[in-house]
Every structure is written in C-alpha cells, then in structure tokens.
PDB file of N, CA and C in Angstrom:
ATOM      1  N   MET A   1      86.143   0.761 160.698  1.00  0.00           N
ATOM      2  CA  MET A   1      84.883   0.428 159.835  1.00  0.00           C
ATOM      3  C   MET A   1      85.106  -0.284 158.718  1.00  0.00           C
ATOM      4  N   LYS A   2      84.325  -1.490 158.727  1.00  0.00           N
ATOM      5  CA  LYS A   2      84.359  -2.550 157.286  1.00  0.00           C
ATOM      6  C   LYS A   2      83.249  -2.434 156.453  1.00  0.00           C
ATOM      7  N   SER A   3      83.954  -2.242 155.604  1.00  0.00           N
ATOM      8  CA  SER A   3      83.113  -1.881 153.753  1.00  0.00           C
ATOM      9  C   SER A   3      82.028  -2.894 154.217  1.00  0.00           C
ATOM     10  N   ILE A   4      81.235  -2.354 152.812  1.00  0.00           N
ATOM     11  CA  ILE A   4      80.339  -3.379 152.398  1.00  0.00           C
ATOM     12  C   ILE A   4      80.652  -4.330 151.463  1.00  0.00           C
ATOM     13  N   GLY A   5      81.758  -4.421 151.009  1.00  0.00           N
ATOM     14  CA  GLY A   5      82.270  -5.417 149.430  1.00  0.00           C
ATOM     15  C   GLY A   5      82.511  -6.271 150.601  1.00  0.00           C
ATOM     16  N   SER A   6      82.605  -7.662 149.651  1.00  0.00           N
ATOM     17  CA  SER A   6      83.437  -9.091 150.370  1.00  0.00           C
ATOM     18  C   SER A   6      84.963  -9.058 149.778  1.00  0.00           C
ATOM     19  N   GLY A   7      85.002  -8.093 149.578  1.00  0.00           N
ATOM     20  CA  GLY A   7      87.006  -8.390 149.427  1.00  0.00           C
ATOM     21  C   GLY A   7      87.567  -8.283 150.644  1.00  0.00           C
ATOM     22  N   ASP A   8      88.895  -8.491 150.874  1.00  0.00           N
ATOM     23  CA  ASP A   8      89.664  -8.684 151.870  1.00  0.00           C
ATOM     24  C   ASP A   8      89.590  -8.006 153.059  1.00  0.00           C
ATOM     25  N   ASN A   9      89.595  -6.593 152.674  1.00  0.00           N
ATOM     26  CA  ASN A   9      89.192  -5.027 153.258  1.00  0.00           C
ATOM     27  C   ASN A   9      87.895  -4.480 152.876  1.00  0.00           C
ATOM     28  N   GLY A  10      87.048  -5.067 152.946  1.00  0.00           N
ATOM     29  CA  GLY A  10      85.463  -4.523 152.476  1.00  0.00           C
ATOM     30  C   GLY A  10      85.461  -4.245 151.038  1.00  0.00           C
ATOM     31  N   GLU A  11      86.331  -4.003 150.352  1.00  0.00           N
ATOM     32  CA  GLU A  11      86.443  -3.495 148.908  1.00  0.00           C
ATOM     33  C   GLU A  11      85.168  -4.641 148.158  1.00  0.00           C
ATOM     34  N   LEU A  12      84.999  -3.997 147.010  1.00  0.00           N
ATOM     35  CA  LEU A  12      83.859  -4.302 146.202  1.00  0.00           C
ATOM     36  C   LEU A  12      84.560  -5.088 145.102  1.00  0.00           C
ATOM     37  N   THR A  13      84.215  -6.398 145.073  1.00  0.00           N
ATOM     38  CA  THR A  13      84.923  -7.668 144.130  1.00  0.00           C
ATOM     39  C   THR A  13      84.247  -7.445 143.010  1.00  0.00           C
ATOM     40  N   PHE A  14      84.867  -8.236 141.714  1.00  0.00           N
ATOM     41  CA  PHE A  14      83.941  -8.483 140.493  1.00  0.00           C
ATOM     42  C   PHE A  14      82.824  -8.821 140.921  1.00  0.00           C
ATOM     43  N   LEU A  15      82.526  -9.943 141.460  1.00  0.00           N
ATOM     44  CA  LEU A  15      81.329 -10.459 141.810  1.00  0.00           C
ATOM     45  C   LEU A  15      80.187  -9.583 142.671  1.00  0.00           C
ATOM     46  N   ASP A  16      80.720  -8.761 143.544  1.00  0.00           N
ATOM     47  CA  ASP A  16      80.063  -7.708 143.924  1.00  0.00           C
ATOM     48  C   ASP A  16      79.149  -6.931 142.940  1.00  0.00           C
ATOM     49  N   ILE A  17      80.033  -6.309 141.836  1.00  0.00           N
ATOM     50  CA  ILE A  17      79.582  -5.599 140.907  1.00  0.00           C
ATOM     51  C   ILE A  17      78.874  -6.103 140.114  1.00  0.00           C
ATOM     52  N   ILE A  18      79.043  -7.284 139.920  1.00  0.00           N
ATOM     53  CA  ILE A  18      77.865  -7.869 139.155  1.00  0.00           C
ATOM     54  C   ILE A  18      76.930  -8.272 139.583  1.00  0.00           C
ATOM     55  N   SER A  19      76.936  -8.298 140.977  1.00  0.00           N
ATOM     56  CA  SER A  19      75.748  -9.083 141.751  1.00  0.00           C
ATOM     57  C   SER A  19      74.457  -7.347 141.627  1.00  0.00           C
ATOM     58  N   ILE A  20      75.490  -6.224 141.552  1.00  0.00           N
ATOM     59  CA  ILE A  20      74.447  -5.158 141.923  1.00  0.00           C
ATOM     60  C   ILE A  20      74.041  -4.817 140.340  1.00  0.00           C
ATOM     61  N   ILE A  21      74.930  -4.847 139.307  1.00  0.00           N
ATOM     62  CA  ILE A  21      74.460  -4.969 137.715  1.00  0.00           C
ATOM     63  C   ILE A  21      73.072  -5.336 137.948  1.00  0.00           C
ATOM     64  N   SER A  22      73.552  -6.595 138.347  1.00  0.00           N
ATOM     65  CA  SER A  22      72.375  -7.756 138.280  1.00  0.00           C
ATOM     66  C   SER A  22      71.106  -7.475 138.554  1.00  0.00           C
ATOM     67  N   PHE A  23      71.034  -6.933 140.054  1.00  0.00           N
ATOM     68  CA  PHE A  23      69.958  -6.383 140.844  1.00  0.00           C
ATOM     69  C   PHE A  23      69.249  -5.367 140.338  1.00  0.00           C
ATOM     70  N   CYS A  24      70.362  -4.504 139.547  1.00  0.00           N
ATOM     71  CA  CYS A  24      69.908  -3.094 138.919  1.00  0.00           C
ATOM     72  C   CYS A  24      68.830  -3.613 137.438  1.00  0.00           C
ATOM     73  N   VAL A  25      69.048  -4.286 136.722  1.00  0.00           N
ATOM     74  CA  VAL A  25      68.720  -4.914 135.744  1.00  0.00           C
ATOM     75  C   VAL A  25      67.224  -5.839 135.808  1.00  0.00           C
ATOM     76  N   GLY A  26      67.147  -6.208 137.166  1.00  0.00           N
ATOM     77  CA  GLY A  26      66.065  -6.700 137.701  1.00  0.00           C
ATOM     78  C   GLY A  26      64.965  -5.717 138.128  1.00  0.00           C
ATOM     79  N   LEU A  27      65.425  -4.844 138.326  1.00  0.00           N
ATOM     80  CA  LEU A  27      64.389  -3.878 139.163  1.00  0.00           C
ATOM     81  C   LEU A  27      63.940  -2.601 137.638  1.00  0.00           C
ATOM     82  N   GLN A  28      64.824  -2.607 136.558  1.00  0.00           N
ATOM     83  CA  GLN A  28      64.541  -2.319 135.573  1.00  0.00           C
ATOM     84  C   GLN A  28      63.314  -3.235 134.624  1.00  0.00           C
ATOM     85  N   ASN A  29      63.643  -4.103 134.781  1.00  0.00           N
ATOM     86  CA  ASN A  29      62.681  -5.431 134.175  1.00  0.00           C
ATOM     87  C   ASN A  29      61.502  -6.085 134.991  1.00  0.00           C
ATOM     88  N   LEU A  30      61.059  -5.432 136.394  1.00  0.00           N
ATOM     89  CA  LEU A  30      60.250  -5.691 137.038  1.00  0.00           C
ATOM     90  C   LEU A  30      58.996  -5.923 136.323  1.00  0.00           C
ATOM     91  N   ASP A  31      58.702  -4.592 135.651  1.00  0.00           N
ATOM     92  CA  ASP A  31      57.728  -4.809 134.920  1.00  0.00           C
ATOM     93  C   ASP A  31      57.258  -5.837 133.576  1.00  0.00           C
ATOM     94  N   LEU A  32      58.252  -6.082 133.837  1.00  0.00           N
ATOM     95  CA  LEU A  32      58.234  -7.346 132.267  1.00  0.00           C
ATOM     96  C   LEU A  32      58.078  -8.711 132.811  1.00  0.00           C
ATOM     97  N   ASN A  33      57.906  -8.919 133.991  1.00  0.00           N
ATOM     98  CA  ASN A  33      57.963 -10.302 134.653  1.00  0.00           C
ATOM     99  C   ASN A  33      56.265 -10.561 134.250  1.00  0.00           C
ATOM    100  N   ILE A  34      56.465 -11.893 134.661  1.00  0.00           N
ATOM    101  CA  ILE A  34      55.446 -12.535 134.033  1.00  0.00           C
ATOM    102  C   ILE A  34      54.787 -12.930 135.461  1.00  0.00           C
ATOM    103  N   THR A  35      53.206 -12.566 135.561  1.00  0.00           N
ATOM    104  CA  THR A  35      52.638 -13.174 137.173  1.00  0.00           C
ATOM    105  C   THR A  35      51.844 -14.107 136.981  1.00  0.00           C
ATOM    106  N   GLU A  36      51.600 -14.635 137.839  1.00  0.00           N
ATOM    107  CA  GLU A  36      50.627 -15.963 138.130  1.00  0.00           C
ATOM    108  C   GLU A  36      49.382 -15.600 137.252  1.00  0.00           C
ATOM    109  N   GLN A  37      48.713 -14.215 137.555  1.00  0.00           N
ATOM    110  CA  GLN A  37      48.107 -13.896 136.867  1.00  0.00           C
ATOM    111  C   GLN A  37      47.647 -13.863 135.644  1.00  0.00           C
ATOM    112  N   ASP A  38      48.525 -13.149 135.146  1.00  0.00           N
ATOM    113  CA  ASP A  38      48.929 -13.149 133.483  1.00  0.00           C
ATOM    114  C   ASP A  38      48.957 -14.609 133.181  1.00  0.00           C
ATOM    115  N   ILE A  39      49.735 -15.494 133.570  1.00  0.00           N
ATOM    116  CA  ILE A  39      49.493 -16.891 132.967  1.00  0.00           C
ATOM    117  C   ILE A  39      48.299 -17.576 133.421  1.00  0.00           C
ATOM    118  N   THR A  40      47.376 -17.600 134.062  1.00  0.00           N
ATOM    119  CA  THR A  40      46.476 -17.928 134.366  1.00  0.00           C
ATOM    120  C   THR A  40      45.194 -17.215 133.397  1.00  0.00           C
ATOM    121  N   ASN A  41      45.027 -15.849 133.006  1.00  0.00           N
ATOM    122  CA  ASN A  41      44.285 -15.122 132.001  1.00  0.00           C
ATOM    123  C   ASN A  41      44.541 -15.930 130.853  1.00  0.00           C
ATOM    124  N   GLN A  42      45.992 -15.964 130.300  1.00  0.00           N
ATOM    125  CA  GLN A  42      46.516 -16.834 128.954  1.00  0.00           C
ATOM    126  C   GLN A  42      45.987 -18.123 128.807  1.00  0.00           C
ATOM    127  N   THR A  43      45.763 -18.636 129.490  1.00  0.00           N
ATOM    128  CA  THR A  43      45.373 -20.238 129.826  1.00  0.00           C
ATOM    129  C   THR A  43      43.798 -19.967 129.630  1.00  0.00           C
ATOM    130  N   GLN A  44      43.343 -19.043 130.382  1.00  0.00           N
ATOM    131  CA  GLN A  44      41.811 -19.063 129.992  1.00  0.00           C
ATOM    132  C   GLN A  44      41.418 -18.747 128.739  1.00  0.00           C
ATOM    133  N   GLU A  45      42.322 -17.960 128.133  1.00  0.00           N
ATOM    134  CA  GLU A  45      41.936 -17.225 126.999  1.00  0.00           C
ATOM    135  C   GLU A  45      42.215 -18.806 125.943  1.00  0.00           C
ATOM    136  N   LEU A  46      43.136 -19.093 125.868  1.00  0.00           N
ATOM    137  CA  LEU A  46      43.344 -20.336 125.083  1.00  0.00           C
ATOM    138  C   LEU A  46      42.586 -21.326 125.102  1.00  0.00           C
ATOM    139  N   ASP A  47      42.037 -22.065 126.677  1.00  0.00           N
ATOM    140  CA  ASP A  47      40.795 -22.676 126.696  1.00  0.00           C
ATOM    141  C   ASP A  47      40.000 -22.548 125.991  1.00  0.00           C
ATOM    142  N   ALA A  48      39.473 -21.105 125.831  1.00  0.00           N
ATOM    143  CA  ALA A  48      38.103 -20.656 125.365  1.00  0.00           C
ATOM    144  C   ALA A  48      38.086 -20.713 123.926  1.00  0.00           C
ATOM    145  N   ARG A  49      39.250 -20.200 123.509  1.00  0.00           N
ATOM    146  CA  ARG A  49      39.406 -20.464 121.897  1.00  0.00           C
ATOM    147  C   ARG A  49      39.677 -21.627 121.294  1.00  0.00           C
ATOM    148  N   LEU A  50      40.350 -22.629 122.238  1.00  0.00           N
ATOM    149  CA  LEU A  50      40.338 -24.534 121.872  1.00  0.00           C
ATOM    150  C   LEU A  50      38.569 -25.156 122.101  1.00  0.00           C
ATOM    151  N   ARG A  51      37.774 -24.275 122.853  1.00  0.00           N
ATOM    152  CA  ARG A  51      36.789 -24.980 122.820  1.00  0.00           C
ATOM    153  C   ARG A  51      35.942 -24.933 121.906  1.00  0.00           C
ATOM    154  N   ASP A  52      36.102 -23.267 121.478  1.00  0.00           N
ATOM    155  CA  ASP A  52      35.555 -23.182 120.283  1.00  0.00           C
ATOM    156  C   ASP A  52      35.663 -23.813 118.622  1.00  0.00           C
ATOM    157  N   VAL A  53      36.813 -23.983 119.107  1.00  0.00           N
ATOM    158  CA  VAL A  53      37.512 -24.878 117.730  1.00  0.00           C
ATOM    159  C   VAL A  53      36.598 -26.546 117.662  1.00  0.00           C
ATOM    160  N   VAL A  54      36.800 -26.808 118.958  1.00  0.00           N
ATOM    161  CA  VAL A  54      36.292 -28.278 118.718  1.00  0.00           C
ATOM    162  C   VAL A  54      35.200 -28.206 118.711  1.00  0.00           C
ATOM    163  N   ASP A  55      34.487 -27.331 119.375  1.00  0.00           N
ATOM    164  CA  ASP A  55      32.859 -27.316 119.221  1.00  0.00           C
ATOM    165  C   ASP A  55      32.561 -27.167 117.571  1.00  0.00           C
ATOM    166  N   ASP A  56      33.267 -26.576 117.053  1.00  0.00           N
ATOM    167  CA  ASP A  56      33.060 -25.945 115.502  1.00  0.00           C
ATOM    168  C   ASP A  56      33.237 -27.371 114.910  1.00  0.00           C
ATOM    169  N   ILE A  57      34.951 -28.035 115.184  1.00  0.00           N
ATOM    170  CA  ILE A  57      35.027 -29.694 114.379  1.00  0.00           C
ATOM    171  C   ILE A  57      33.873 -30.446 114.638  1.00  0.00           C
ATOM    172  N   HIS A  58      33.387 -30.595 115.922  1.00  0.00           N
ATOM    173  CA  HIS A  58      32.165 -31.136 116.058  1.00  0.00           C
ATOM    174  C   HIS A  58      30.933 -30.919 115.453  1.00  0.00           C
ATOM    175  N   ASN A  59      30.437 -30.000 115.723  1.00  0.00           N
ATOM    176  CA  ASN A  59      29.293 -29.661 114.700  1.00  0.00           C
ATOM    177  C   ASN A  59      29.721 -30.110 112.936  1.00  0.00           C
ATOM    178  N   HIS A  60      30.687 -29.622 112.570  1.00  0.00           N
ATOM    179  CA  HIS A  60      30.992 -29.714 111.452  1.00  0.00           C
ATOM    180  C   HIS A  60      31.204 -31.558 111.116  1.00  0.00           C
ATOM    181  N   LEU A  61      31.403 -32.234 111.979  1.00  0.00           N
ATOM    182  CA  LEU A  61      31.454 -33.870 112.075  1.00  0.00           C
ATOM    183  C   LEU A  61      30.171 -34.297 112.013  1.00  0.00           C
ATOM    184  N   SER A  62      29.173 -33.509 112.767  1.00  0.00           N
ATOM    185  CA  SER A  62      27.659 -34.471 112.995  1.00  0.00           C
ATOM    186  C   SER A  62      27.269 -33.786 111.762  1.00  0.00           C
ATOM    187  N   VAL A  63      27.044 -32.904 111.093  1.00  0.00           N
ATOM    188  CA  VAL A  63      26.495 -32.888 109.709  1.00  0.00           C
ATOM    189  C   VAL A  63      26.956 -33.889 108.943  1.00  0.00           C
ATOM    190  N   GLN A  64      28.221 -34.009 109.061  1.00  0.00           N
ATOM    191  CA  GLN A  64      28.744 -35.133 108.028  1.00  0.00           C
ATOM    192  C   GLN A  64      28.149 -36.551 108.138  1.00  0.00           C
ATOM    193  N   ASP A  65      28.251 -36.597 109.422  1.00  0.00           N
ATOM    194  CA  ASP A  65      27.272 -37.908 109.968  1.00  0.00           C
ATOM    195  C   ASP A  65      26.281 -38.142 109.385  1.00  0.00           C
ATOM    196  N   THR A  66      25.223 -37.064 109.249  1.00  0.00           N
ATOM    197  CA  THR A  66      24.369 -36.703 109.200  1.00  0.00           C
ATOM    198  C   THR A  66      24.061 -37.115 107.044  1.00  0.00           C
ATOM    199  N   LYS A  67      24.740 -36.487 106.522  1.00  0.00           N
ATOM    200  CA  LYS A  67      24.865 -36.641 105.066  1.00  0.00           C
ATOM    201  C   LYS A  67      25.213 -37.825 104.940  1.00  0.00           C
ATOM    202  N   LEU A  68      26.348 -38.755 105.546  1.00  0.00           N
ATOM    203  CA  LEU A  68      26.929 -40.132 105.160  1.00  0.00           C
ATOM    204  C   LEU A  68      25.511 -40.779 105.650  1.00  0.00           C
ATOM    205  N   ASN A  69      24.799 -40.590 106.782  1.00  0.00           N
ATOM    206  CA  ASN A  69      23.521 -41.554 107.083  1.00  0.00           C
ATOM    207  C   ASN A  69      22.368 -41.561 105.915  1.00  0.00           C
ATOM    208  N   VAL A  70      22.358 -40.046 104.982  1.00  0.00           N
ATOM    209  CA  VAL A  70      21.380 -40.118 104.223  1.00  0.00           C
ATOM    210  C   VAL A  70      22.019 -40.821 103.247  1.00  0.00           C
ATOM    211  N   ILE A  71      22.989 -40.478 102.490  1.00  0.00           N
ATOM    212  CA  ILE A  71      23.844 -41.294 101.322  1.00  0.00           C
ATOM    213  C   ILE A  71      23.703 -43.234 101.719  1.00  0.00           C
ATOM    214  N   LEU A  72      24.121 -43.241 102.948  1.00  0.00           N
ATOM    215  CA  LEU A  72      23.908 -45.169 103.562  1.00  0.00           C
ATOM    216  C   LEU A  72      22.422 -45.564 103.069  1.00  0.00           C
ATOM    217  N   ASN A  73      21.426 -44.994 103.575  1.00  0.00           N
ATOM    218  CA  ASN A  73      20.470 -45.058 103.707  1.00  0.00           C
ATOM    219  C   ASN A  73      19.858 -45.282 102.120  1.00  0.00           C
ATOM    220  N   ARG A  74      19.898 -44.249 101.259  1.00  0.00           N
ATOM    221  CA  ARG A  74      19.939 -44.196  99.754  1.00  0.00           C
ATOM    222  C   ARG A  74      20.050 -45.675  99.182  1.00  0.00           C
ATOM    223  N   LEU A  75      21.895 -45.966  99.390  1.00  0.00           N
ATOM    224  CA  LEU A  75      21.919 -47.260  99.030  1.00  0.00           C
ATOM    225  C   LEU A  75      21.640 -48.411  99.311  1.00  0.00           C
ATOM    226  N   GLU A  76      21.227 -48.472 100.623  1.00  0.00           N
ATOM    227  CA  GLU A  76      20.816 -49.575 100.843  1.00  0.00           C
ATOM    228  C   GLU A  76      19.699 -49.765 100.190  1.00  0.00           C
ATOM    229  N   ALA A  77      18.441 -48.404 100.262  1.00  0.00           N
ATOM    230  CA  ALA A  77      17.471 -48.468  99.454  1.00  0.00           C
ATOM    231  C   ALA A  77      17.384 -48.826  97.663  1.00  0.00           C
ATOM    232  N   MET A  78      18.363 -48.544  97.327  1.00  0.00           N
ATOM    233  CA  MET A  78      18.723 -48.865  96.124  1.00  0.00           C
ATOM    234  C   MET A  78      19.492 -50.415  95.597  1.00  0.00           C
ATOM    235  N   SER A  79      20.044 -50.613  97.121  1.00  0.00           N
ATOM    236  CA  SER A  79      20.205 -52.399  96.942  1.00  0.00           C
ATOM    237  C   SER A  79      19.113 -53.276  96.977  1.00  0.00           C
ATOM    238  N   ASN A  80      18.120 -52.925  97.832  1.00  0.00           N
ATOM    239  CA  ASN A  80      16.748 -53.470  98.129  1.00  0.00           C
ATOM    240  C   ASN A  80      15.585 -53.711  96.926  1.00  0.00           C
ATOM    241  N   ASP A  81      15.815 -52.342  96.646  1.00  0.00           N
ATOM    242  CA  ASP A  81      14.966 -52.272  95.456  1.00  0.00           C
ATOM    243  C   ASP A  81      15.627 -53.465  94.176  1.00  0.00           C
ATOM    244  N   GLN A  82      16.973 -53.379  94.055  1.00  0.00           N
ATOM    245  CA  GLN A  82      17.669 -54.484  93.065  1.00  0.00           C
ATOM    246  C   GLN A  82      17.097 -55.699  93.329  1.00  0.00           C
ATOM    247  N   ASN A  83      17.136 -55.871  94.462  1.00  0.00           N
ATOM    248  CA  ASN A  83      16.929 -57.855  94.780  1.00  0.00           C
ATOM    249  C   ASN A  83      15.422 -58.087  94.487  1.00  0.00           C
TER     250      ASN A  83
END
C-alpha cells in the first residue's frame, strides 16, 4: 500500500508538511477573505461619499460665482459712473 506523501516511499516530505500547514491556515482565515460583494459594497459606499463631496464643492463654487458676478457688476457700474 502506498502512502499519501510525495517522498520515495510515500512518506511526507517537508514540502508536503508545508502544504498541509498552509491549507490549515487558509481554512482558519477563510472568514477573513474579501469577497467580490465586499468590494462592491465598499466601492458603492466610496462612490456615494465622493459624489456628496463633489456636490458640496460644486454648490460652494456656484455660490462663489454668484458673489463674484455681483462684485463684477458693481465694479462695472462704478467704472461707468466715473466715465
């Protein structure tokens, strides 16, 4: 009867032992693995947060544009009054 190891007489070699240990560690850490659904959820969350920040910046810049237009109109009116 042949043993399951990869050695000459079916005995376990160092590489066999490392493979078994690696498999056991992989089983223990199985719940820590990131799934595609986890990545999708994180991407959607980051996308929503980014959209909120971009919208906030856009709104702020719109207010600034309005203020600058008011200032520009007043300066033009002052310039026209002086002429």
